Amino acid sequence: MVHDAEMMERPPSAESRARSAAAERMRLHRERRRNGLRCLMIELRETEIEALIRKGFLQAEMRNDANAVSEALYSHLDQTLGSLP
């Protein structure tokens, strides 16, 4: 009886999937560091978010969208500090 090699492979266990996810996170972390980036979590005051809106970096209706606020903050930092090539 001939068996297909693919059929003989065991599905990945939960432990190997967890290791793979951790390995991917570490790979991304190292890549960011090589590119001079750091991943930080920061807290913004409502007044700081309002300032991003006033300065035109963020639309008022997007104030609760974390991605939109992050992009607005990146834009503010680029304009204020200058962006690198």
C-alpha atoms as a PDB file:
ATOM      1  CA  MET A   1       0.000   0.000   0.000  1.00  0.00           C
ATOM      2  CA  VAL A   2       1.445   3.405  -1.023  1.00  0.00           C
ATOM      3  CA  HIS A   3       0.908   6.385   1.263  1.00  0.00           C
ATOM      4  CA  ASP A   4       1.112  10.009   0.187  1.00  0.00           C
ATOM      5  CA  ALA A   5       3.896  11.798   2.116  1.00  0.00           C
ATOM      6  CA  GLU A   6       1.639  14.744   2.804  1.00  0.00           C
ATOM      7  CA  MET A   7      -0.924  12.516   4.422  1.00  0.00           C
ATOM      8  CA  MET A   8       1.739  11.127   6.765  1.00  0.00           C
ATOM      9  CA  GLU A   9       2.673  14.543   8.181  1.00  0.00           C
ATOM     10  CA  ARG A  10       1.166  15.283  11.550  1.00  0.00           C
ATOM     11  CA  PRO A  11      -0.657  18.574  11.943  1.00  0.00           C
ATOM     12  CA  PRO A  12       1.261  21.139  13.971  1.00  0.00           C
ATOM     13  CA  SER A  13       0.588  20.992  17.663  1.00  0.00           C
ATOM     14  CA  ALA A  14      -0.543  23.987  19.670  1.00  0.00           C
ATOM     15  CA  GLU A  15       2.949  24.186  21.162  1.00  0.00           C
ATOM     16  CA  SER A  16       4.678  24.410  17.765  1.00  0.00           C
ATOM     17  CA  ARG A  17       2.174  27.037  16.561  1.00  0.00           C
ATOM     18  CA  ALA A  18       2.845  29.093  19.698  1.00  0.00           C
ATOM     19  CA  ARG A  19       6.581  28.829  19.118  1.00  0.00           C
ATOM     20  CA  SER A  20       6.123  29.908  15.520  1.00  0.00           C
ATOM     21  CA  ALA A  21       4.114  32.958  16.565  1.00  0.00           C
ATOM     22  CA  ALA A  22       6.734  33.853  19.159  1.00  0.00           C
ATOM     23  CA  ALA A  23       9.523  33.357  16.638  1.00  0.00           C
ATOM     24  CA  GLU A  24       7.720  35.660  14.191  1.00  0.00           C
ATOM     25  CA  ARG A  25       7.307  38.346  16.858  1.00  0.00           C
ATOM     26  CA  MET A  26      11.014  38.133  17.669  1.00  0.00           C
ATOM     27  CA  ARG A  27      11.927  38.316  13.979  1.00  0.00           C
ATOM     28  CA  LEU A  28       9.843  41.468  13.562  1.00  0.00           C
ATOM     29  CA  HIS A  29      11.335  42.952  16.732  1.00  0.00           C
ATOM     30  CA  ARG A  30      14.875  42.377  15.453  1.00  0.00           C
ATOM     31  CA  GLU A  31      14.005  43.776  12.028  1.00  0.00           C
ATOM     32  CA  ARG A  32      12.587  46.948  13.609  1.00  0.00           C
ATOM     33  CA  ARG A  33      15.707  47.369  15.733  1.00  0.00           C
ATOM     34  CA  ARG A  34      17.963  46.954  12.679  1.00  0.00           C
ATOM     35  CA  ASN A  35      15.928  49.703  11.008  1.00  0.00           C
ATOM     36  CA  GLY A  36      16.378  51.965  14.038  1.00  0.00           C
ATOM     37  CA  LEU A  37      12.764  51.614  15.165  1.00  0.00           C
ATOM     38  CA  ARG A  38      11.343  50.833  18.559  1.00  0.00           C
ATOM     39  CA  CYS A  39       7.861  49.636  19.339  1.00  0.00           C
ATOM     40  CA  LEU A  40       6.448  51.581  22.279  1.00  0.00           C
ATOM     41  CA  MET A  41       3.092  51.853  23.951  1.00  0.00           C
ATOM     42  CA  ILE A  42       2.273  55.405  25.004  1.00  0.00           C
ATOM     43  CA  GLU A  43      -0.651  57.097  26.662  1.00  0.00           C
ATOM     44  CA  LEU A  44      -2.137  60.259  25.168  1.00  0.00           C
ATOM     45  CA  ARG A  45      -4.292  62.742  27.005  1.00  0.00           C
ATOM     46  CA  GLU A  46      -7.589  63.738  25.459  1.00  0.00           C
ATOM     47  CA  THR A  47      -6.165  67.261  25.152  1.00  0.00           C
ATOM     48  CA  GLU A  48      -3.284  65.898  23.062  1.00  0.00           C
ATOM     49  CA  ILE A  49      -5.710  64.116  20.743  1.00  0.00           C
ATOM     50  CA  GLU A  50      -7.713  67.349  20.495  1.00  0.00           C
ATOM     51  CA  ALA A  51      -4.498  69.175  19.561  1.00  0.00           C
ATOM     52  CA  LEU A  52      -3.908  66.675  16.730  1.00  0.00           C
ATOM     53  CA  ILE A  53      -7.436  67.453  15.517  1.00  0.00           C
ATOM     54  CA  ARG A  54      -6.932  71.234  15.775  1.00  0.00           C
ATOM     55  CA  LYS A  55      -3.664  71.031  13.878  1.00  0.00           C
ATOM     56  CA  GLY A  56      -5.279  69.022  11.084  1.00  0.00           C
ATOM     57  CA  PHE A  57      -3.508  65.727  11.675  1.00  0.00           C
ATOM     58  CA  LEU A  58      -6.647  63.873  12.733  1.00  0.00           C
ATOM     59  CA  GLN A  59     -10.298  64.092  11.731  1.00  0.00           C
ATOM     60  CA  ALA A  60     -12.573  64.646  14.727  1.00  0.00           C
ATOM     61  CA  GLU A  61     -14.736  61.610  13.943  1.00  0.00           C
ATOM     62  CA  MET A  62     -11.612  59.412  14.020  1.00  0.00           C
ATOM     63  CA  ARG A  63     -10.609  60.350  17.597  1.00  0.00           C
ATOM     64  CA  ASN A  64     -11.542  56.870  18.918  1.00  0.00           C
ATOM     65  CA  ASP A  65      -9.754  54.969  16.131  1.00  0.00           C
ATOM     66  CA  ALA A  66      -6.382  53.893  17.582  1.00  0.00           C
ATOM     67  CA  ASN A  67      -4.824  53.409  14.128  1.00  0.00           C
ATOM     68  CA  ALA A  68      -5.926  56.853  12.964  1.00  0.00           C
ATOM     69  CA  VAL A  69      -4.575  58.460  16.135  1.00  0.00           C
ATOM     70  CA  SER A  70      -1.257  56.624  15.666  1.00  0.00           C
ATOM     71  CA  GLU A  71      -0.984  57.817  12.065  1.00  0.00           C
ATOM     72  CA  ALA A  72      -1.799  61.378  13.146  1.00  0.00           C
ATOM     73  CA  LEU A  73       0.885  61.226  15.803  1.00  0.00           C
ATOM     74  CA  TYR A  74       3.415  59.867  13.271  1.00  0.00           C
ATOM     75  CA  SER A  75       2.557  62.747  10.943  1.00  0.00           C
ATOM     76  CA  HIS A  76       2.973  65.253  13.748  1.00  0.00           C
ATOM     77  CA  LEU A  77       6.345  63.783  14.718  1.00  0.00           C
ATOM     78  CA  ASP A  78       7.521  63.765  11.089  1.00  0.00           C
ATOM     79  CA  GLN A  79       6.554  67.416  10.668  1.00  0.00           C
ATOM     80  CA  THR A  80       7.989  68.463  14.008  1.00  0.00           C
ATOM     81  CA  LEU A  81      11.150  66.363  14.139  1.00  0.00           C
ATOM     82  CA  GLY A  82      11.612  65.749  10.430  1.00  0.00           C
ATOM     83  CA  SER A  83      11.460  62.417   8.694  1.00  0.00           C
ATOM     84  CA  LEU A  84      14.518  60.436   7.801  1.00  0.00           C
ATOM     85  CA  PRO A  85      15.099  59.148   4.269  1.00  0.00           C
END
